[in-house]
Amino acid sequence: MGLGEGTTRDLLRLIGRYRRRPFSRGSRPNSLPKIFTRETELIAQQAAVEDWFPVQQAGPADFLKGIAINAAPLLHG
């Protein structure tokens, strides 16, 4: 991310290539929230994986006594 007129485009492109991400350049400080919001949304989309998975009990839980965890329906998330 570069901000201001003195930003070196070549350096930003080099960093972007290394990180495999496009570079961002803004001329005004008030453009930062929009740029950071866009970047956050892009990263969040890449990190989210929605799939079906079985219930797994991680440890003992008295309130689950008598419930067949292995017969529980798949969860989605």
PDB file of N, CA and C in Angstrom:
ATOM      1  N   MET A   1       0.850  -1.167   0.000  1.00  0.00           N
ATOM      2  CA  MET A   1       0.000   0.000   0.000  1.00  0.00           C
ATOM      3  C   MET A   1       0.887   1.217   0.000  1.00  0.00           C
ATOM      4  N   GLY A   2       0.664   2.074  -0.919  1.00  0.00           N
ATOM      5  CA  GLY A   2       1.377   3.338  -0.969  1.00  0.00           C
ATOM      6  C   GLY A   2       0.384   4.471  -0.876  1.00  0.00           C
ATOM      7  N   LEU A   3       0.767   5.529  -0.207  1.00  0.00           N
ATOM      8  CA  LEU A   3      -0.136   6.660  -0.043  1.00  0.00           C
ATOM      9  C   LEU A   3       0.623   7.932  -0.360  1.00  0.00           C
ATOM     10  N   GLY A   4       0.069   8.733  -1.237  1.00  0.00           N
ATOM     11  CA  GLY A   4       0.691  10.006  -1.566  1.00  0.00           C
ATOM     12  C   GLY A   4       1.326  10.002  -2.936  1.00  0.00           C
ATOM     13  N   GLU A   5       1.643  11.193  -3.395  1.00  0.00           N
ATOM     14  CA  GLU A   5       2.201  11.364  -4.730  1.00  0.00           C
ATOM     15  C   GLU A   5       3.640  10.864  -4.847  1.00  0.00           C
ATOM     16  N   GLY A   6       4.369  10.810  -3.727  1.00  0.00           N
ATOM     17  CA  GLY A   6       5.767  10.380  -3.775  1.00  0.00           C
ATOM     18  C   GLY A   6       5.943   8.864  -3.727  1.00  0.00           C
ATOM     19  N   THR A   7       4.851   8.124  -3.798  1.00  0.00           N
ATOM     20  CA  THR A   7       4.909   6.669  -3.727  1.00  0.00           C
ATOM     21  C   THR A   7       5.614   6.105  -4.956  1.00  0.00           C
ATOM     22  N   THR A   8       6.522   5.195  -4.738  1.00  0.00           N
ATOM     23  CA  THR A   8       7.267   4.569  -5.826  1.00  0.00           C
ATOM     24  C   THR A   8       6.486   3.380  -6.375  1.00  0.00           C
ATOM     25  N   ARG A   9       5.942   3.533  -7.575  1.00  0.00           N
ATOM     26  CA  ARG A   9       5.147   2.468  -8.190  1.00  0.00           C
ATOM     27  C   ARG A   9       5.963   1.200  -8.414  1.00  0.00           C
ATOM     28  N   ASP A  10       7.207   1.349  -8.835  1.00  0.00           N
ATOM     29  CA  ASP A  10       8.036   0.172  -9.098  1.00  0.00           C
ATOM     30  C   ASP A  10       8.238  -0.662  -7.840  1.00  0.00           C
ATOM     31  N   LEU A  11       8.482  -0.001  -6.715  1.00  0.00           N
ATOM     32  CA  LEU A  11       8.657  -0.722  -5.454  1.00  0.00           C
ATOM     33  C   LEU A  11       7.365  -1.425  -5.065  1.00  0.00           C
ATOM     34  N   LEU A  12       6.232  -0.755  -5.210  1.00  0.00           N
ATOM     35  CA  LEU A  12       4.950  -1.378  -4.877  1.00  0.00           C
ATOM     36  C   LEU A  12       4.661  -2.570  -5.777  1.00  0.00           C
ATOM     37  N   ARG A  13       4.967  -2.467  -7.051  1.00  0.00           N
ATOM     38  CA  ARG A  13       4.775  -3.605  -7.968  1.00  0.00           C
ATOM     39  C   ARG A  13       5.655  -4.782  -7.570  1.00  0.00           C
ATOM     40  N   LEU A  14       6.898  -4.495  -7.204  1.00  0.00           N
ATOM     41  CA  LEU A  14       7.828  -5.543  -6.780  1.00  0.00           C
ATOM     42  C   LEU A  14       7.300  -6.256  -5.524  1.00  0.00           C
ATOM     43  N   ILE A  15       6.850  -5.490  -4.567  1.00  0.00           N
ATOM     44  CA  ILE A  15       6.289  -6.080  -3.346  1.00  0.00           C
ATOM     45  C   ILE A  15       5.036  -6.892  -3.685  1.00  0.00           C
ATOM     46  N   GLY A  16       4.191  -6.360  -4.553  1.00  0.00           N
ATOM     47  CA  GLY A  16       2.980  -7.066  -4.968  1.00  0.00           C
ATOM     48  C   GLY A  16       3.286  -8.374  -5.662  1.00  0.00           C
ATOM     49  N   ARG A  17       4.303  -8.386  -6.509  1.00  0.00           N
ATOM     50  CA  ARG A  17       4.711  -9.613  -7.196  1.00  0.00           C
ATOM     51  C   ARG A  17       5.213 -10.653  -6.198  1.00  0.00           C
ATOM     52  N   TYR A  18       5.991 -10.197  -5.223  1.00  0.00           N
ATOM     53  CA  TYR A  18       6.545 -11.098  -4.212  1.00  0.00           C
ATOM     54  C   TYR A  18       5.427 -11.710  -3.372  1.00  0.00           C
ATOM     55  N   ARG A  19       4.433 -10.897  -3.036  1.00  0.00           N
ATOM     56  CA  ARG A  19       3.319 -11.365  -2.207  1.00  0.00           C
ATOM     57  C   ARG A  19       2.203 -11.984  -3.041  1.00  0.00           C
ATOM     58  N   ARG A  20       2.348 -11.930  -4.379  1.00  0.00           N
ATOM     59  CA  ARG A  20       1.325 -12.428  -5.301  1.00  0.00           C
ATOM     60  C   ARG A  20      -0.009 -11.713  -5.088  1.00  0.00           C
ATOM     61  N   ARG A  21       0.069 -10.425  -4.853  1.00  0.00           N
ATOM     62  CA  ARG A  21      -1.106  -9.576  -4.661  1.00  0.00           C
ATOM     63  C   ARG A  21      -0.885  -8.281  -5.430  1.00  0.00           C
ATOM     64  N   PRO A  22      -1.949  -7.709  -5.968  1.00  0.00           N
ATOM     65  CA  PRO A  22      -1.783  -6.425  -6.653  1.00  0.00           C
ATOM     66  C   PRO A  22      -1.444  -5.319  -5.651  1.00  0.00           C
ATOM     67  N   PHE A  23      -0.745  -4.315  -6.122  1.00  0.00           N
ATOM     68  CA  PHE A  23      -0.412  -3.207  -5.227  1.00  0.00           C
ATOM     69  C   PHE A  23      -1.550  -2.204  -5.205  1.00  0.00           C
ATOM     70  N   SER A  24      -1.637  -1.477  -4.121  1.00  0.00           N
ATOM     71  CA  SER A  24      -2.645  -0.423  -3.984  1.00  0.00           C
ATOM     72  C   SER A  24      -1.927   0.901  -3.817  1.00  0.00           C
ATOM     73  N   ARG A  25      -2.484   1.921  -4.428  1.00  0.00           N
ATOM     74  CA  ARG A  25      -1.886   3.249  -4.325  1.00  0.00           C
ATOM     75  C   ARG A  25      -3.017   4.240  -4.169  1.00  0.00           C
ATOM     76  N   GLY A  26      -2.918   5.078  -3.168  1.00  0.00           N
ATOM     77  CA  GLY A  26      -3.941   6.096  -2.941  1.00  0.00           C
ATOM     78  C   GLY A  26      -3.303   7.461  -2.875  1.00  0.00           C
ATOM     79  N   SER A  27      -4.037   8.465  -3.294  1.00  0.00           N
ATOM     80  CA  SER A  27      -3.480   9.815  -3.267  1.00  0.00           C
ATOM     81  C   SER A  27      -3.943  10.595  -2.042  1.00  0.00           C
ATOM     82  N   ARG A  28      -4.978  10.088  -1.350  1.00  0.00           N
ATOM     83  CA  ARG A  28      -5.511  10.818  -0.199  1.00  0.00           C
ATOM     84  C   ARG A  28      -5.647   9.876   0.994  1.00  0.00           C
ATOM     85  N   PRO A  29      -5.355  10.373   2.190  1.00  0.00           N
ATOM     86  CA  PRO A  29      -5.503   9.536   3.385  1.00  0.00           C
ATOM     87  C   PRO A  29      -6.934   9.026   3.591  1.00  0.00           C
ATOM     88  N   ASN A  30      -7.936   9.792   3.152  1.00  0.00           N
ATOM     89  CA  ASN A  30      -9.312   9.336   3.359  1.00  0.00           C
ATOM     90  C   ASN A  30      -9.683   8.159   2.450  1.00  0.00           C
ATOM     91  N   SER A  31      -8.789   7.752   1.544  1.00  0.00           N
ATOM     92  CA  SER A  31      -9.039   6.575   0.715  1.00  0.00           C
ATOM     93  C   SER A  31      -8.654   5.277   1.435  1.00  0.00           C
ATOM     94  N   LEU A  32      -7.941   5.384   2.558  1.00  0.00           N
ATOM     95  CA  LEU A  32      -7.486   4.190   3.276  1.00  0.00           C
ATOM     96  C   LEU A  32      -8.616   3.270   3.735  1.00  0.00           C
ATOM     97  N   PRO A  33      -9.684   3.771   4.374  1.00  0.00           N
ATOM     98  CA  PRO A  33     -10.732   2.843   4.822  1.00  0.00           C
ATOM     99  C   PRO A  33     -11.306   1.995   3.688  1.00  0.00           C
ATOM    100  N   LYS A  34     -11.544   2.605   2.538  1.00  0.00           N
ATOM    101  CA  LYS A  34     -12.106   1.867   1.402  1.00  0.00           C
ATOM    102  C   LYS A  34     -11.124   0.795   0.925  1.00  0.00           C
ATOM    103  N   ILE A  35      -9.856   1.138   0.830  1.00  0.00           N
ATOM    104  CA  ILE A  35      -8.839   0.191   0.366  1.00  0.00           C
ATOM    105  C   ILE A  35      -8.698  -0.960   1.351  1.00  0.00           C
ATOM    106  N   PHE A  36      -8.603  -0.653   2.657  1.00  0.00           N
ATOM    107  CA  PHE A  36      -8.451  -1.709   3.658  1.00  0.00           C
ATOM    108  C   PHE A  36      -9.692  -2.592   3.729  1.00  0.00           C
ATOM    109  N   THR A  37     -10.871  -2.019   3.556  1.00  0.00           N
ATOM    110  CA  THR A  37     -12.097  -2.816   3.545  1.00  0.00           C
ATOM    111  C   THR A  37     -12.084  -3.787   2.380  1.00  0.00           C
ATOM    112  N   ARG A  38     -11.717  -3.304   1.195  1.00  0.00           N
ATOM    113  CA  ARG A  38     -11.659  -4.166   0.011  1.00  0.00           C
ATOM    114  C   ARG A  38     -10.653  -5.305   0.207  1.00  0.00           C
ATOM    115  N   GLU A  39      -9.478  -4.989   0.725  1.00  0.00           N
ATOM    116  CA  GLU A  39      -8.453  -6.008   0.966  1.00  0.00           C
ATOM    117  C   GLU A  39      -8.919  -7.030   2.002  1.00  0.00           C
ATOM    118  N   THR A  40      -9.567  -6.568   3.057  1.00  0.00           N
ATOM    119  CA  THR A  40     -10.063  -7.469   4.091  1.00  0.00           C
ATOM    120  C   THR A  40     -11.108  -8.418   3.524  1.00  0.00           C
ATOM    121  N   GLU A  41     -12.002  -7.902   2.689  1.00  0.00           N
ATOM    122  CA  GLU A  41     -13.022  -8.750   2.067  1.00  0.00           C
ATOM    123  C   GLU A  41     -12.387  -9.797   1.162  1.00  0.00           C
ATOM    124  N   LEU A  42     -11.372  -9.417   0.396  1.00  0.00           N
ATOM    125  CA  LEU A  42     -10.692 -10.375  -0.476  1.00  0.00           C
ATOM    126  C   LEU A  42     -10.020 -11.484   0.325  1.00  0.00           C
ATOM    127  N   ILE A  43      -9.337 -11.110   1.383  1.00  0.00           N
ATOM    128  CA  ILE A  43      -8.641 -12.096   2.204  1.00  0.00           C
ATOM    129  C   ILE A  43      -9.632 -13.009   2.915  1.00  0.00           C
ATOM    130  N   ALA A  44     -10.730 -12.444   3.413  1.00  0.00           N
ATOM    131  CA  ALA A  44     -11.733 -13.246   4.109  1.00  0.00           C
ATOM    132  C   ALA A  44     -12.357 -14.279   3.179  1.00  0.00           C
ATOM    133  N   GLN A  45     -12.576 -13.913   1.922  1.00  0.00           N
ATOM    134  CA  GLN A  45     -13.132 -14.863   0.961  1.00  0.00           C
ATOM    135  C   GLN A  45     -12.177 -16.024   0.733  1.00  0.00           C
ATOM    136  N   GLN A  46     -10.894 -15.749   0.716  1.00  0.00           N
ATOM    137  CA  GLN A  46      -9.905 -16.796   0.486  1.00  0.00           C
ATOM    138  C   GLN A  46      -9.775 -17.717   1.692  1.00  0.00           C
ATOM    139  N   ALA A  47     -10.012 -17.210   2.890  1.00  0.00           N
ATOM    140  CA  ALA A  47      -9.832 -17.995   4.103  1.00  0.00           C
ATOM    141  C   ALA A  47     -11.063 -18.839   4.431  1.00  0.00           C
ATOM    142  N   ALA A  48     -12.209 -18.437   3.952  1.00  0.00           N
ATOM    143  CA  ALA A  48     -13.438 -19.149   4.285  1.00  0.00           C
ATOM    144  C   ALA A  48     -13.581 -20.414   3.449  1.00  0.00           C
ATOM    145  N   VAL A  49     -13.841 -21.516   4.139  1.00  0.00           N
ATOM    146  CA  VAL A  49     -14.106 -22.782   3.469  1.00  0.00           C
ATOM    147  C   VAL A  49     -15.403 -23.318   4.045  1.00  0.00           C
ATOM    148  N   GLU A  50     -16.408 -23.456   3.210  1.00  0.00           N
ATOM    149  CA  GLU A  50     -17.678 -23.995   3.661  1.00  0.00           C
ATOM    150  C   GLU A  50     -17.813 -25.401   3.107  1.00  0.00           C
ATOM    151  N   ASP A  51     -18.045 -26.342   4.022  1.00  0.00           N
ATOM    152  CA  ASP A  51     -18.153 -27.736   3.622  1.00  0.00           C
ATOM    153  C   ASP A  51     -18.943 -28.493   4.674  1.00  0.00           C
ATOM    154  N   TRP A  52     -19.352 -29.704   4.341  1.00  0.00           N
ATOM    155  CA  TRP A  52     -20.035 -30.581   5.285  1.00  0.00           C
ATOM    156  C   TRP A  52     -18.982 -31.366   6.058  1.00  0.00           C
ATOM    157  N   PHE A  53     -19.205 -31.534   7.364  1.00  0.00           N
ATOM    158  CA  PHE A  53     -18.253 -32.285   8.180  1.00  0.00           C
ATOM    159  C   PHE A  53     -18.987 -32.981   9.326  1.00  0.00           C
ATOM    160  N   PRO A  54     -18.423 -34.110   9.787  1.00  0.00           N
ATOM    161  CA  PRO A  54     -19.074 -34.850  10.876  1.00  0.00           C
ATOM    162  C   PRO A  54     -18.814 -34.183  12.227  1.00  0.00           C
ATOM    163  N   VAL A  55     -19.715 -34.445  13.153  1.00  0.00           N
ATOM    164  CA  VAL A  55     -19.564 -33.960  14.523  1.00  0.00           C
ATOM    165  C   VAL A  55     -18.423 -34.742  15.170  1.00  0.00           C
ATOM    166  N   GLN A  56     -17.548 -34.061  15.852  1.00  0.00           N
ATOM    167  CA  GLN A  56     -16.459 -34.710  16.576  1.00  0.00           C
ATOM    168  C   GLN A  56     -16.458 -34.188  18.004  1.00  0.00           C
ATOM    169  N   GLN A  57     -16.526 -35.106  18.934  1.00  0.00           N
ATOM    170  CA  GLN A  57     -16.489 -34.711  20.346  1.00  0.00           C
ATOM    171  C   GLN A  57     -15.035 -34.578  20.761  1.00  0.00           C
ATOM    172  N   ALA A  58     -14.663 -33.414  21.224  1.00  0.00           N
ATOM    173  CA  ALA A  58     -13.271 -33.125  21.563  1.00  0.00           C
ATOM    174  C   ALA A  58     -12.886 -33.585  22.958  1.00  0.00           C
ATOM    175  N   GLY A  59     -13.859 -33.773  23.806  1.00  0.00           N
ATOM    176  CA  GLY A  59     -13.562 -34.177  25.174  1.00  0.00           C
ATOM    177  C   GLY A  59     -14.820 -34.616  25.882  1.00  0.00           C
ATOM    178  N   PRO A  60     -14.673 -35.099  27.108  1.00  0.00           N
ATOM    179  CA  PRO A  60     -15.854 -35.548  27.845  1.00  0.00           C
ATOM    180  C   PRO A  60     -16.804 -34.387  28.152  1.00  0.00           C
ATOM    181  N   ALA A  61     -18.092 -34.699  28.067  1.00  0.00           N
ATOM    182  CA  ALA A  61     -19.126 -33.694  28.375  1.00  0.00           C
ATOM    183  C   ALA A  61     -20.317 -34.428  28.972  1.00  0.00           C
ATOM    184  N   ASP A  62     -20.575 -34.184  30.226  1.00  0.00           N
ATOM    185  CA  ASP A  62     -21.662 -34.881  30.918  1.00  0.00           C
ATOM    186  C   ASP A  62     -23.011 -34.696  30.225  1.00  0.00           C
ATOM    187  N   PHE A  63     -23.263 -33.532  29.666  1.00  0.00           N
ATOM    188  CA  PHE A  63     -24.567 -33.266  29.053  1.00  0.00           C
ATOM    189  C   PHE A  63     -24.791 -34.061  27.769  1.00  0.00           C
ATOM    190  N   LEU A  64     -23.753 -34.712  27.244  1.00  0.00           N
ATOM    191  CA  LEU A  64     -23.893 -35.526  26.036  1.00  0.00           C
ATOM    192  C   LEU A  64     -24.079 -37.012  26.335  1.00  0.00           C
ATOM    193  N   LYS A  65     -24.089 -37.399  27.610  1.00  0.00           N
ATOM    194  CA  LYS A  65     -24.263 -38.813  27.968  1.00  0.00           C
ATOM    195  C   LYS A  65     -25.573 -39.326  27.405  1.00  0.00           C
ATOM    196  N   GLY A  66     -25.498 -40.461  26.745  1.00  0.00           N
ATOM    197  CA  GLY A  66     -26.683 -41.087  26.163  1.00  0.00           C
ATOM    198  C   GLY A  66     -26.987 -40.625  24.753  1.00  0.00           C
ATOM    199  N   ILE A  67     -26.225 -39.691  24.230  1.00  0.00           N
ATOM    200  CA  ILE A  67     -26.438 -39.203  22.857  1.00  0.00           C
ATOM    201  C   ILE A  67     -25.389 -39.850  21.952  1.00  0.00           C
ATOM    202  N   ALA A  68     -25.857 -40.444  20.862  1.00  0.00           N
ATOM    203  CA  ALA A  68     -24.948 -41.108  19.924  1.00  0.00           C
ATOM    204  C   ALA A  68     -24.355 -40.054  18.986  1.00  0.00           C
ATOM    205  N   ILE A  69     -23.189 -39.553  19.339  1.00  0.00           N
ATOM    206  CA  ILE A  69     -22.543 -38.511  18.527  1.00  0.00           C
ATOM    207  C   ILE A  69     -22.261 -39.012  17.112  1.00  0.00           C
ATOM    208  N   ASN A  70     -21.882 -40.275  16.990  1.00  0.00           N
ATOM    209  CA  ASN A  70     -21.557 -40.813  15.652  1.00  0.00           C
ATOM    210  C   ASN A  70     -22.792 -40.919  14.752  1.00  0.00           C
ATOM    211  N   ALA A  71     -24.003 -40.791  15.316  1.00  0.00           N
ATOM    212  CA  ALA A  71     -25.222 -40.817  14.518  1.00  0.00           C
ATOM    213  C   ALA A  71     -25.756 -39.407  14.234  1.00  0.00           C
ATOM    214  N   ALA A  72     -25.066 -38.397  14.695  1.00  0.00           N
ATOM    215  CA  ALA A  72     -25.510 -37.017  14.491  1.00  0.00           C
ATOM    216  C   ALA A  72     -25.413 -36.654  13.005  1.00  0.00           C
ATOM    217  N   PRO A  73     -26.309 -35.807  12.530  1.00  0.00           N
ATOM    218  CA  PRO A  73     -26.221 -35.382  11.124  1.00  0.00           C
ATOM    219  C   PRO A  73     -24.950 -34.549  10.887  1.00  0.00           C
ATOM    220  N   LEU A  74     -24.544 -34.494   9.634  1.00  0.00           N
ATOM    221  CA  LEU A  74     -23.379 -33.676   9.285  1.00  0.00           C
ATOM    222  C   LEU A  74     -23.668 -32.198   9.556  1.00  0.00           C
ATOM    223  N   LEU A  75     -22.645 -31.483   9.889  1.00  0.00           N
ATOM    224  CA  LEU A  75     -22.735 -30.031  10.086  1.00  0.00           C
ATOM    225  C   LEU A  75     -22.219 -29.341   8.844  1.00  0.00           C
ATOM    226  N   HIS A  76     -22.646 -28.123   8.644  1.00  0.00           N
ATOM    227  CA  HIS A  76     -22.180 -27.345   7.483  1.00  0.00           C
ATOM    228  C   HIS A  76     -21.680 -26.000   7.972  1.00  0.00           C
ATOM    229  N   GLY A  77     -20.494 -25.664   7.573  1.00  0.00           N
ATOM    230  CA  GLY A  77     -19.946 -24.380   7.994  1.00  0.00           C
ATOM    231  C   GLY A  77     -18.596 -24.137   7.382  1.00  0.00           C
TER     232      GLY A  77
END
